[in-house]
Amino acid sequence: MKRDSLKPVEPILVVELFPRERDHLLTLLARLSPEEWNRPTACAGWSVKDVALHLLGDDIGLLSRAPDFKFKPIAGVESWQDLVAFINHNNKLWVQAMRRMSTGLLVELLAFTGQKVYQRLRSLDLFALGSPVSWAGPHLAPIWLDVAREYTERWMHHQHIREAVHQPGLKEPSFFGPVLATFGRALPHTYRTIAAPKGAVIKVVISGEAGGTWLLLKEDEGWGLYQGQAENFNTLVTMDQEFTWRLFTKGIRRDEAEKSILIEGNRALALPILDAVAIIA
């Protein structure tokens, strides 16, 4: 394939989506009944209220980050498994401690922190280097990718709440497309140990209005993620947009996932995509 037919994937700029997503969430929460607040969600052991409390914790965590938006090293965290355990432990403690809060106060605080988060994000240099986004690799990432990660966290849990109370999700391309695009940034890291001849191409097609096409290209070191045309490819993977977001957030078992993707060409090159993760869990 000619390299000039490919171009690097573009930055994902989502700051202006934060207040829009939060407005939809607040409107939904304001009309929930006590029974709906207590419904279980896809987050094991968490109710709708618990997930909303977690989102409040996400906001406070973001607002408490350093001015340069970098994370400080965490004592005792040396591996991905350590990081997952640390995050899960802190999330559990936060939710348990905050359950005594009334739902009315919770909604008011989410409105307040949502505004503060938006103001904070607007003040950032999105193209400066910040902290690594762990599921995208160990290297320093541009702040726009970290912000996009924060957006996917909020969008995902918002969907968990909507599903629990049987409300349609935010699946319009303007909300959903950036989520899928951000999750795609996990693929080069997912494939980092997968051997293939230099120049091999894996074409990933996400079907649906919010979907698109990703091209994974084997380079001298590792894999690169591109967009553009790829008439010649080693492997074609086609996935539905609804399936894709659940795959990248561990919302579907691997054996079920393998039955839900369409593969053409080299199957061995396709299957590692089932191990892609774009959350810390």
C-alpha atoms as a PDB file:
ATOM      1  CA  MET A   1       0.000   0.000   0.000  1.00  0.00           C
ATOM      2  CA  LYS A   2       1.180   3.506  -0.750  1.00  0.00           C
ATOM      3  CA  ARG A   3       1.772   5.446   2.440  1.00  0.00           C
ATOM      4  CA  ASP A   4       0.481   8.628   0.776  1.00  0.00           C
ATOM      5  CA  SER A   5      -2.978   6.995   0.659  1.00  0.00           C
ATOM      6  CA  LEU A   6      -3.003   7.007   4.449  1.00  0.00           C
ATOM      7  CA  LYS A   7      -2.947   9.859   6.894  1.00  0.00           C
ATOM      8  CA  PRO A   8      -2.637   9.820  10.675  1.00  0.00           C
ATOM      9  CA  VAL A   9      -5.884   9.884  12.606  1.00  0.00           C
ATOM     10  CA  GLU A  10      -6.911  13.390  13.629  1.00  0.00           C
ATOM     11  CA  PRO A  11      -7.085  14.793  17.166  1.00  0.00           C
ATOM     12  CA  ILE A  12     -10.389  14.277  18.967  1.00  0.00           C
ATOM     13  CA  LEU A  13     -11.548  17.601  20.396  1.00  0.00           C
ATOM     14  CA  VAL A  14     -14.496  17.157  22.723  1.00  0.00           C
ATOM     15  CA  VAL A  15     -14.405  19.983  25.267  1.00  0.00           C
ATOM     16  CA  GLU A  16     -17.625  21.511  23.930  1.00  0.00           C
ATOM     17  CA  LEU A  17     -19.421  18.185  24.371  1.00  0.00           C
ATOM     18  CA  PHE A  18     -19.023  18.174  28.157  1.00  0.00           C
ATOM     19  CA  PRO A  19     -21.781  20.691  29.003  1.00  0.00           C
ATOM     20  CA  ARG A  20     -24.105  19.185  26.409  1.00  0.00           C
ATOM     21  CA  GLU A  21     -23.678  15.669  27.769  1.00  0.00           C
ATOM     22  CA  ARG A  22     -24.112  16.904  31.355  1.00  0.00           C
ATOM     23  CA  ASP A  23     -27.309  18.784  30.494  1.00  0.00           C
ATOM     24  CA  HIS A  24     -28.815  15.566  29.133  1.00  0.00           C
ATOM     25  CA  LEU A  25     -27.745  13.698  32.255  1.00  0.00           C
ATOM     26  CA  LEU A  26     -29.180  16.293  34.634  1.00  0.00           C
ATOM     27  CA  THR A  27     -32.476  16.373  32.772  1.00  0.00           C
ATOM     28  CA  LEU A  28     -32.715  12.604  33.080  1.00  0.00           C
ATOM     29  CA  LEU A  29     -31.751  12.449  36.757  1.00  0.00           C
ATOM     30  CA  ALA A  30     -34.169  15.207  37.727  1.00  0.00           C
ATOM     31  CA  ARG A  31     -37.170  13.120  36.694  1.00  0.00           C
ATOM     32  CA  LEU A  32     -36.155   9.751  38.153  1.00  0.00           C
ATOM     33  CA  SER A  33     -38.409   8.122  40.735  1.00  0.00           C
ATOM     34  CA  PRO A  34     -36.977   6.711  43.994  1.00  0.00           C
ATOM     35  CA  GLU A  35     -37.378   3.235  42.512  1.00  0.00           C
ATOM     36  CA  GLU A  36     -35.400   4.203  39.406  1.00  0.00           C
ATOM     37  CA  TRP A  37     -32.565   5.673  41.466  1.00  0.00           C
ATOM     38  CA  ASN A  38     -32.198   2.283  43.136  1.00  0.00           C
ATOM     39  CA  ARG A  39     -32.216   0.139  40.000  1.00  0.00           C
ATOM     40  CA  PRO A  40     -29.132  -2.011  39.358  1.00  0.00           C
ATOM     41  CA  THR A  41     -26.826  -1.084  36.486  1.00  0.00           C
ATOM     42  CA  ALA A  42     -24.271  -2.869  34.322  1.00  0.00           C
ATOM     43  CA  CYS A  43     -21.666  -1.844  36.925  1.00  0.00           C
ATOM     44  CA  ALA A  44     -21.785  -4.837  39.241  1.00  0.00           C
ATOM     45  CA  GLY A  45     -23.086  -3.915  42.687  1.00  0.00           C
ATOM     46  CA  TRP A  46     -23.871  -0.325  41.747  1.00  0.00           C
ATOM     47  CA  SER A  47     -27.292   1.262  41.476  1.00  0.00           C
ATOM     48  CA  VAL A  48     -28.199   4.230  39.307  1.00  0.00           C
ATOM     49  CA  LYS A  49     -27.451   6.481  42.281  1.00  0.00           C
ATOM     50  CA  ASP A  50     -24.082   4.808  42.805  1.00  0.00           C
ATOM     51  CA  VAL A  51     -23.094   5.429  39.180  1.00  0.00           C
ATOM     52  CA  ALA A  52     -24.140   9.084  39.512  1.00  0.00           C
ATOM     53  CA  LEU A  53     -22.042   9.331  42.682  1.00  0.00           C
ATOM     54  CA  HIS A  54     -19.118   7.867  40.766  1.00  0.00           C
ATOM     55  CA  LEU A  55     -19.526  10.547  38.085  1.00  0.00           C
ATOM     56  CA  LEU A  56     -19.411  13.201  40.797  1.00  0.00           C
ATOM     57  CA  GLY A  57     -16.173  11.634  42.004  1.00  0.00           C
ATOM     58  CA  ASP A  58     -14.798  11.758  38.455  1.00  0.00           C
ATOM     59  CA  ASP A  59     -15.528  15.469  38.315  1.00  0.00           C
ATOM     60  CA  ILE A  60     -13.861  16.152  41.640  1.00  0.00           C
ATOM     61  CA  GLY A  61     -10.852  14.105  40.616  1.00  0.00           C
ATOM     62  CA  LEU A  62     -10.483  16.060  37.381  1.00  0.00           C
ATOM     63  CA  LEU A  63     -10.845  19.402  39.171  1.00  0.00           C
ATOM     64  CA  SER A  64      -8.194  18.358  41.695  1.00  0.00           C
ATOM     65  CA  ARG A  65      -5.534  17.551  39.097  1.00  0.00           C
ATOM     66  CA  ALA A  66      -2.369  19.610  38.788  1.00  0.00           C
ATOM     67  CA  PRO A  67      -2.406  22.789  36.664  1.00  0.00           C
ATOM     68  CA  ASP A  68      -0.502  20.997  33.894  1.00  0.00           C
ATOM     69  CA  PHE A  69      -3.132  18.217  34.013  1.00  0.00           C
ATOM     70  CA  LYS A  70      -0.516  15.598  34.855  1.00  0.00           C
ATOM     71  CA  PHE A  71      -0.985  12.785  37.344  1.00  0.00           C
ATOM     72  CA  LYS A  72       1.482  12.415  40.169  1.00  0.00           C
ATOM     73  CA  PRO A  73       3.121   8.972  40.571  1.00  0.00           C
ATOM     74  CA  ILE A  74       1.157   6.715  42.916  1.00  0.00           C
ATOM     75  CA  ALA A  75       3.189   4.916  45.572  1.00  0.00           C
ATOM     76  CA  GLY A  76       3.019   1.162  45.146  1.00  0.00           C
ATOM     77  CA  VAL A  77       1.537   1.274  41.659  1.00  0.00           C
ATOM     78  CA  GLU A  78       4.049  -0.434  39.387  1.00  0.00           C
ATOM     79  CA  SER A  79       1.888  -2.254  36.821  1.00  0.00           C
ATOM     80  CA  TRP A  80      -1.427  -2.158  34.979  1.00  0.00           C
ATOM     81  CA  GLN A  81      -2.842  -4.625  37.523  1.00  0.00           C
ATOM     82  CA  ASP A  82      -1.719  -2.357  40.385  1.00  0.00           C
ATOM     83  CA  LEU A  83      -3.379   0.630  38.738  1.00  0.00           C
ATOM     84  CA  VAL A  84      -6.667  -1.221  38.182  1.00  0.00           C
ATOM     85  CA  ALA A  85      -6.704  -2.417  41.794  1.00  0.00           C
ATOM     86  CA  PHE A  86      -5.925   1.073  43.108  1.00  0.00           C
ATOM     87  CA  ILE A  87      -8.637   2.744  41.000  1.00  0.00           C
ATOM     88  CA  ASN A  88     -11.261   0.122  41.807  1.00  0.00           C
ATOM     89  CA  HIS A  89     -10.510   0.335  45.520  1.00  0.00           C
ATOM     90  CA  ASN A  90     -10.789   4.121  45.594  1.00  0.00           C
ATOM     91  CA  ASN A  91     -13.956   4.103  43.500  1.00  0.00           C
ATOM     92  CA  LYS A  92     -15.552   1.619  45.894  1.00  0.00           C
ATOM     93  CA  LEU A  93     -14.605   3.674  48.954  1.00  0.00           C
ATOM     94  CA  TRP A  94     -15.945   6.872  47.385  1.00  0.00           C
ATOM     95  CA  VAL A  95     -19.324   5.406  46.483  1.00  0.00           C
ATOM     96  CA  GLN A  96     -19.729   3.721  49.850  1.00  0.00           C
ATOM     97  CA  ALA A  97     -18.921   6.936  51.715  1.00  0.00           C
ATOM     98  CA  MET A  98     -21.246   9.102  49.621  1.00  0.00           C
ATOM     99  CA  ARG A  99     -24.368   6.908  49.619  1.00  0.00           C
ATOM    100  CA  ARG A 100     -25.896   8.910  52.483  1.00  0.00           C
ATOM    101  CA  MET A 101     -26.168  11.940  50.157  1.00  0.00           C
ATOM    102  CA  SER A 102     -29.676  12.759  48.981  1.00  0.00           C
ATOM    103  CA  THR A 103     -30.426  12.477  45.295  1.00  0.00           C
ATOM    104  CA  GLY A 104     -31.498  16.128  45.221  1.00  0.00           C
ATOM    105  CA  LEU A 105     -28.141  17.297  46.535  1.00  0.00           C
ATOM    106  CA  LEU A 106     -26.346  14.906  44.190  1.00  0.00           C
ATOM    107  CA  VAL A 107     -28.039  16.465  41.157  1.00  0.00           C
ATOM    108  CA  GLU A 108     -27.193  19.972  42.392  1.00  0.00           C
ATOM    109  CA  LEU A 109     -23.546  19.030  42.884  1.00  0.00           C
ATOM    110  CA  LEU A 110     -23.346  17.405  39.435  1.00  0.00           C
ATOM    111  CA  ALA A 111     -24.644  20.642  37.929  1.00  0.00           C
ATOM    112  CA  PHE A 112     -22.021  22.639  39.847  1.00  0.00           C
ATOM    113  CA  THR A 113     -19.050  20.382  39.140  1.00  0.00           C
ATOM    114  CA  GLY A 114     -20.106  20.025  35.500  1.00  0.00           C
ATOM    115  CA  GLN A 115     -19.747  23.772  35.035  1.00  0.00           C
ATOM    116  CA  LYS A 116     -16.397  23.789  36.817  1.00  0.00           C
ATOM    117  CA  VAL A 117     -15.101  20.898  34.722  1.00  0.00           C
ATOM    118  CA  TYR A 118     -16.031  22.714  31.522  1.00  0.00           C
ATOM    119  CA  GLN A 119     -14.258  25.881  32.688  1.00  0.00           C
ATOM    120  CA  ARG A 120     -11.165  23.878  33.616  1.00  0.00           C
ATOM    121  CA  LEU A 121     -11.032  22.060  30.300  1.00  0.00           C
ATOM    122  CA  ARG A 122     -11.406  25.273  28.326  1.00  0.00           C
ATOM    123  CA  SER A 123      -8.310  26.640  30.089  1.00  0.00           C
ATOM    124  CA  LEU A 124      -6.045  23.781  28.968  1.00  0.00           C
ATOM    125  CA  ASP A 125      -3.551  23.686  26.121  1.00  0.00           C
ATOM    126  CA  LEU A 126      -5.012  20.615  24.467  1.00  0.00           C
ATOM    127  CA  PHE A 127      -1.948  20.000  22.299  1.00  0.00           C
ATOM    128  CA  ALA A 128       0.576  20.063  25.137  1.00  0.00           C
ATOM    129  CA  LEU A 129       1.862  16.742  26.459  1.00  0.00           C
ATOM    130  CA  GLY A 130       0.233  15.564  29.667  1.00  0.00           C
ATOM    131  CA  SER A 131       0.143  12.182  31.349  1.00  0.00           C
ATOM    132  CA  PRO A 132       0.040   8.792  29.641  1.00  0.00           C
ATOM    133  CA  VAL A 133      -3.391   7.401  28.846  1.00  0.00           C
ATOM    134  CA  SER A 134      -2.582   3.939  30.156  1.00  0.00           C
ATOM    135  CA  TRP A 135      -4.713   1.876  27.770  1.00  0.00           C
ATOM    136  CA  ALA A 136      -3.195   3.755  24.800  1.00  0.00           C
ATOM    137  CA  GLY A 137       0.400   3.102  25.865  1.00  0.00           C
ATOM    138  CA  PRO A 138       3.058   4.211  28.359  1.00  0.00           C
ATOM    139  CA  HIS A 139       4.183   7.295  26.436  1.00  0.00           C
ATOM    140  CA  LEU A 140       3.101  10.834  27.323  1.00  0.00           C
ATOM    141  CA  ALA A 141      -0.143  11.647  25.548  1.00  0.00           C
ATOM    142  CA  PRO A 142      -1.419  14.989  24.279  1.00  0.00           C
ATOM    143  CA  ILE A 143      -3.893  16.516  26.697  1.00  0.00           C
ATOM    144  CA  TRP A 144      -6.667  16.310  24.091  1.00  0.00           C
ATOM    145  CA  LEU A 145      -6.488  12.497  24.312  1.00  0.00           C
ATOM    146  CA  ASP A 146      -6.710  12.589  28.102  1.00  0.00           C
ATOM    147  CA  VAL A 147      -9.717  14.919  27.836  1.00  0.00           C
ATOM    148  CA  ALA A 148     -11.307  12.593  25.279  1.00  0.00           C
ATOM    149  CA  ARG A 149     -10.748   9.728  27.721  1.00  0.00           C
ATOM    150  CA  GLU A 150     -12.550  11.739  30.414  1.00  0.00           C
ATOM    151  CA  TYR A 151     -15.429  12.281  27.994  1.00  0.00           C
ATOM    152  CA  THR A 152     -15.736   8.567  27.216  1.00  0.00           C
ATOM    153  CA  GLU A 153     -15.850   7.820  30.950  1.00  0.00           C
ATOM    154  CA  ARG A 154     -18.793  10.164  31.403  1.00  0.00           C
ATOM    155  CA  TRP A 155     -20.559   9.027  28.252  1.00  0.00           C
ATOM    156  CA  MET A 156     -20.204   5.350  29.197  1.00  0.00           C
ATOM    157  CA  HIS A 157     -21.622   5.711  32.693  1.00  0.00           C
ATOM    158  CA  HIS A 158     -24.368   7.968  31.366  1.00  0.00           C
ATOM    159  CA  GLN A 159     -25.351   5.063  29.100  1.00  0.00           C
ATOM    160  CA  HIS A 160     -25.330   2.674  32.053  1.00  0.00           C
ATOM    161  CA  ILE A 161     -27.847   4.920  33.812  1.00  0.00           C
ATOM    162  CA  ARG A 162     -30.026   5.260  30.719  1.00  0.00           C
ATOM    163  CA  GLU A 163     -30.093   1.530  30.155  1.00  0.00           C
ATOM    164  CA  ALA A 164     -31.035   0.878  33.778  1.00  0.00           C
ATOM    165  CA  VAL A 165     -34.068   3.173  33.537  1.00  0.00           C
ATOM    166  CA  HIS A 166     -34.973   2.096  29.990  1.00  0.00           C
ATOM    167  CA  GLN A 167     -34.202   5.374  28.262  1.00  0.00           C
ATOM    168  CA  PRO A 168     -32.568   5.765  24.819  1.00  0.00           C
ATOM    169  CA  GLY A 169     -28.836   6.393  24.909  1.00  0.00           C
ATOM    170  CA  LEU A 170     -26.891   9.328  23.539  1.00  0.00           C
ATOM    171  CA  LYS A 171     -26.199   7.598  20.248  1.00  0.00           C
ATOM    172  CA  GLU A 172     -26.319  10.608  17.927  1.00  0.00           C
ATOM    173  CA  PRO A 173     -23.065  10.763  15.914  1.00  0.00           C
ATOM    174  CA  SER A 174     -22.080  14.066  17.559  1.00  0.00           C
ATOM    175  CA  PHE A 175     -22.016  12.369  20.987  1.00  0.00           C
ATOM    176  CA  PHE A 176     -21.177   8.787  20.030  1.00  0.00           C
ATOM    177  CA  GLY A 177     -18.683   9.279  17.200  1.00  0.00           C
ATOM    178  CA  PRO A 178     -15.958  10.820  19.394  1.00  0.00           C
ATOM    179  CA  VAL A 179     -16.353   7.948  21.865  1.00  0.00           C
ATOM    180  CA  LEU A 180     -15.673   5.361  19.192  1.00  0.00           C
ATOM    181  CA  ALA A 181     -12.817   7.417  17.748  1.00  0.00           C
ATOM    182  CA  THR A 182     -11.208   7.648  21.187  1.00  0.00           C
ATOM    183  CA  PHE A 183     -11.542   3.930  21.802  1.00  0.00           C
ATOM    184  CA  GLY A 184      -9.748   3.314  18.509  1.00  0.00           C
ATOM    185  CA  ARG A 185      -6.628   4.888  20.004  1.00  0.00           C
ATOM    186  CA  ALA A 186      -6.273   1.731  22.105  1.00  0.00           C
ATOM    187  CA  LEU A 187      -5.565  -0.449  19.080  1.00  0.00           C
ATOM    188  CA  PRO A 188      -1.837   0.221  18.464  1.00  0.00           C
ATOM    189  CA  HIS A 189      -1.129  -0.615  22.123  1.00  0.00           C
ATOM    190  CA  THR A 190      -3.389  -3.669  21.953  1.00  0.00           C
ATOM    191  CA  TYR A 191      -1.401  -4.960  18.962  1.00  0.00           C
ATOM    192  CA  ARG A 192       2.042  -4.006  20.311  1.00  0.00           C
ATOM    193  CA  THR A 193       3.168  -7.643  20.660  1.00  0.00           C
ATOM    194  CA  ILE A 194       1.469  -8.979  17.516  1.00  0.00           C
ATOM    195  CA  ALA A 195       3.961  -9.969  14.826  1.00  0.00           C
ATOM    196  CA  ALA A 196       3.285  -9.294  11.159  1.00  0.00           C
ATOM    197  CA  PRO A 197       5.312  -8.331   8.079  1.00  0.00           C
ATOM    198  CA  LYS A 198       6.115  -4.644   7.763  1.00  0.00           C
ATOM    199  CA  GLY A 199       3.374  -2.979   5.746  1.00  0.00           C
ATOM    200  CA  ALA A 200       0.632  -5.384   6.835  1.00  0.00           C
ATOM    201  CA  VAL A 201      -2.724  -3.655   7.144  1.00  0.00           C
ATOM    202  CA  ILE A 202      -5.696  -4.466   9.321  1.00  0.00           C
ATOM    203  CA  LYS A 203      -8.805  -2.625   8.202  1.00  0.00           C
ATOM    204  CA  VAL A 204     -11.370  -2.115  10.955  1.00  0.00           C
ATOM    205  CA  VAL A 205     -14.828  -0.955   9.884  1.00  0.00           C
ATOM    206  CA  ILE A 206     -17.308   0.232  12.509  1.00  0.00           C
ATOM    207  CA  SER A 207     -20.778   0.100  11.002  1.00  0.00           C
ATOM    208  CA  GLY A 208     -23.484   2.563  12.032  1.00  0.00           C
ATOM    209  CA  GLU A 209     -24.052   6.308  11.775  1.00  0.00           C
ATOM    210  CA  ALA A 210     -21.397   7.087  14.409  1.00  0.00           C
ATOM    211  CA  GLY A 211     -18.861   4.591  13.090  1.00  0.00           C
ATOM    212  CA  GLY A 212     -16.000   4.853  10.646  1.00  0.00           C
ATOM    213  CA  THR A 213     -12.866   3.078   9.467  1.00  0.00           C
ATOM    214  CA  TRP A 214      -9.528   2.568  11.200  1.00  0.00           C
ATOM    215  CA  LEU A 215      -6.402   1.279   9.470  1.00  0.00           C
ATOM    216  CA  LEU A 216      -3.730  -0.447  11.533  1.00  0.00           C
ATOM    217  CA  LEU A 217      -0.389  -0.461   9.718  1.00  0.00           C
ATOM    218  CA  LYS A 218       2.574  -2.580  10.809  1.00  0.00           C
ATOM    219  CA  GLU A 219       5.614  -0.324  10.937  1.00  0.00           C
ATOM    220  CA  ASP A 220       9.285  -0.769  11.838  1.00  0.00           C
ATOM    221  CA  GLU A 221       8.356  -0.685  15.499  1.00  0.00           C
ATOM    222  CA  GLY A 222       4.828  -1.540  16.470  1.00  0.00           C
ATOM    223  CA  TRP A 223       1.627  -0.515  14.736  1.00  0.00           C
ATOM    224  CA  GLY A 224       0.327   2.865  13.631  1.00  0.00           C
ATOM    225  CA  LEU A 225      -3.287   3.997  13.386  1.00  0.00           C
ATOM    226  CA  TYR A 226      -4.375   5.740  10.203  1.00  0.00           C
ATOM    227  CA  GLN A 227      -7.361   6.821   8.177  1.00  0.00           C
ATOM    228  CA  GLY A 228      -7.749   6.880   4.421  1.00  0.00           C
ATOM    229  CA  GLN A 229      -8.192   4.314   1.674  1.00  0.00           C
ATOM    230  CA  ALA A 230      -7.031   0.719   1.882  1.00  0.00           C
ATOM    231  CA  GLU A 231      -7.954  -1.358  -1.129  1.00  0.00           C
ATOM    232  CA  ASN A 232      -5.268  -3.899  -0.259  1.00  0.00           C
ATOM    233  CA  PHE A 233      -5.320  -5.251   3.277  1.00  0.00           C
ATOM    234  CA  ASN A 234      -4.382  -8.439   5.086  1.00  0.00           C
ATOM    235  CA  THR A 235      -7.407  -8.521   7.327  1.00  0.00           C
ATOM    236  CA  LEU A 236     -10.821  -6.860   7.397  1.00  0.00           C
ATOM    237  CA  VAL A 237     -12.722  -6.686  10.668  1.00  0.00           C
ATOM    238  CA  THR A 238     -16.286  -5.367  10.675  1.00  0.00           C
ATOM    239  CA  MET A 239     -18.094  -4.547  13.923  1.00  0.00           C
ATOM    240  CA  ASP A 240     -21.356  -2.810  14.772  1.00  0.00           C
ATOM    241  CA  GLN A 241     -21.034   0.478  16.689  1.00  0.00           C
ATOM    242  CA  GLU A 242     -23.140  -0.794  19.598  1.00  0.00           C
ATOM    243  CA  PHE A 243     -21.005  -3.904  19.911  1.00  0.00           C
ATOM    244  CA  THR A 244     -17.803  -1.843  19.627  1.00  0.00           C
ATOM    245  CA  TRP A 245     -18.347   0.389  22.640  1.00  0.00           C
ATOM    246  CA  ARG A 246     -19.284  -2.601  24.773  1.00  0.00           C
ATOM    247  CA  LEU A 247     -16.214  -4.510  23.606  1.00  0.00           C
ATOM    248  CA  PHE A 248     -13.809  -1.714  24.494  1.00  0.00           C
ATOM    249  CA  THR A 249     -15.424  -1.229  27.927  1.00  0.00           C
ATOM    250  CA  LYS A 250     -15.539  -4.932  28.846  1.00  0.00           C
ATOM    251  CA  GLY A 251     -19.304  -4.999  28.540  1.00  0.00           C
ATOM    252  CA  ILE A 252     -19.333  -8.268  26.607  1.00  0.00           C
ATOM    253  CA  ARG A 253     -17.604 -11.590  27.188  1.00  0.00           C
ATOM    254  CA  ARG A 254     -14.800 -12.537  24.821  1.00  0.00           C
ATOM    255  CA  ASP A 255     -16.487 -15.721  23.650  1.00  0.00           C
ATOM    256  CA  GLU A 256     -19.649 -13.785  22.805  1.00  0.00           C
ATOM    257  CA  ALA A 257     -17.601 -11.070  21.136  1.00  0.00           C
ATOM    258  CA  GLU A 258     -15.862 -13.515  18.819  1.00  0.00           C
ATOM    259  CA  LYS A 259     -19.251 -14.547  17.441  1.00  0.00           C
ATOM    260  CA  SER A 260     -20.235 -10.930  16.770  1.00  0.00           C
ATOM    261  CA  ILE A 261     -17.452  -9.720  14.476  1.00  0.00           C
ATOM    262  CA  LEU A 262     -17.056 -10.376  10.782  1.00  0.00           C
ATOM    263  CA  ILE A 263     -13.547 -11.317   9.613  1.00  0.00           C
ATOM    264  CA  GLU A 264     -12.128 -11.515   6.123  1.00  0.00           C
ATOM    265  CA  GLY A 265      -8.549 -12.538   5.445  1.00  0.00           C
ATOM    266  CA  ASN A 266      -6.012 -13.405   8.125  1.00  0.00           C
ATOM    267  CA  ARG A 267      -8.091 -14.411  11.144  1.00  0.00           C
ATOM    268  CA  ALA A 268      -5.083 -14.539  13.481  1.00  0.00           C
ATOM    269  CA  LEU A 269      -4.469 -10.834  12.863  1.00  0.00           C
ATOM    270  CA  ALA A 270      -8.098 -10.022  13.598  1.00  0.00           C
ATOM    271  CA  LEU A 271      -8.619 -11.786  16.915  1.00  0.00           C
ATOM    272  CA  PRO A 272      -6.371  -9.561  19.095  1.00  0.00           C
ATOM    273  CA  ILE A 273      -8.937  -6.796  18.666  1.00  0.00           C
ATOM    274  CA  LEU A 274     -11.132  -8.756  21.056  1.00  0.00           C
ATOM    275  CA  ASP A 275      -8.619  -7.943  23.806  1.00  0.00           C
ATOM    276  CA  ALA A 276      -8.826  -4.191  23.279  1.00  0.00           C
ATOM    277  CA  VAL A 277      -9.655  -2.215  26.408  1.00  0.00           C
ATOM    278  CA  ALA A 278     -10.252   1.536  26.636  1.00  0.00           C
ATOM    279  CA  ILE A 279     -11.070   1.799  30.327  1.00  0.00           C
ATOM    280  CA  ILE A 280      -9.095   1.146  33.491  1.00  0.00           C
ATOM    281  CA  ALA A 281     -10.844  -1.967  34.762  1.00  0.00           C
END
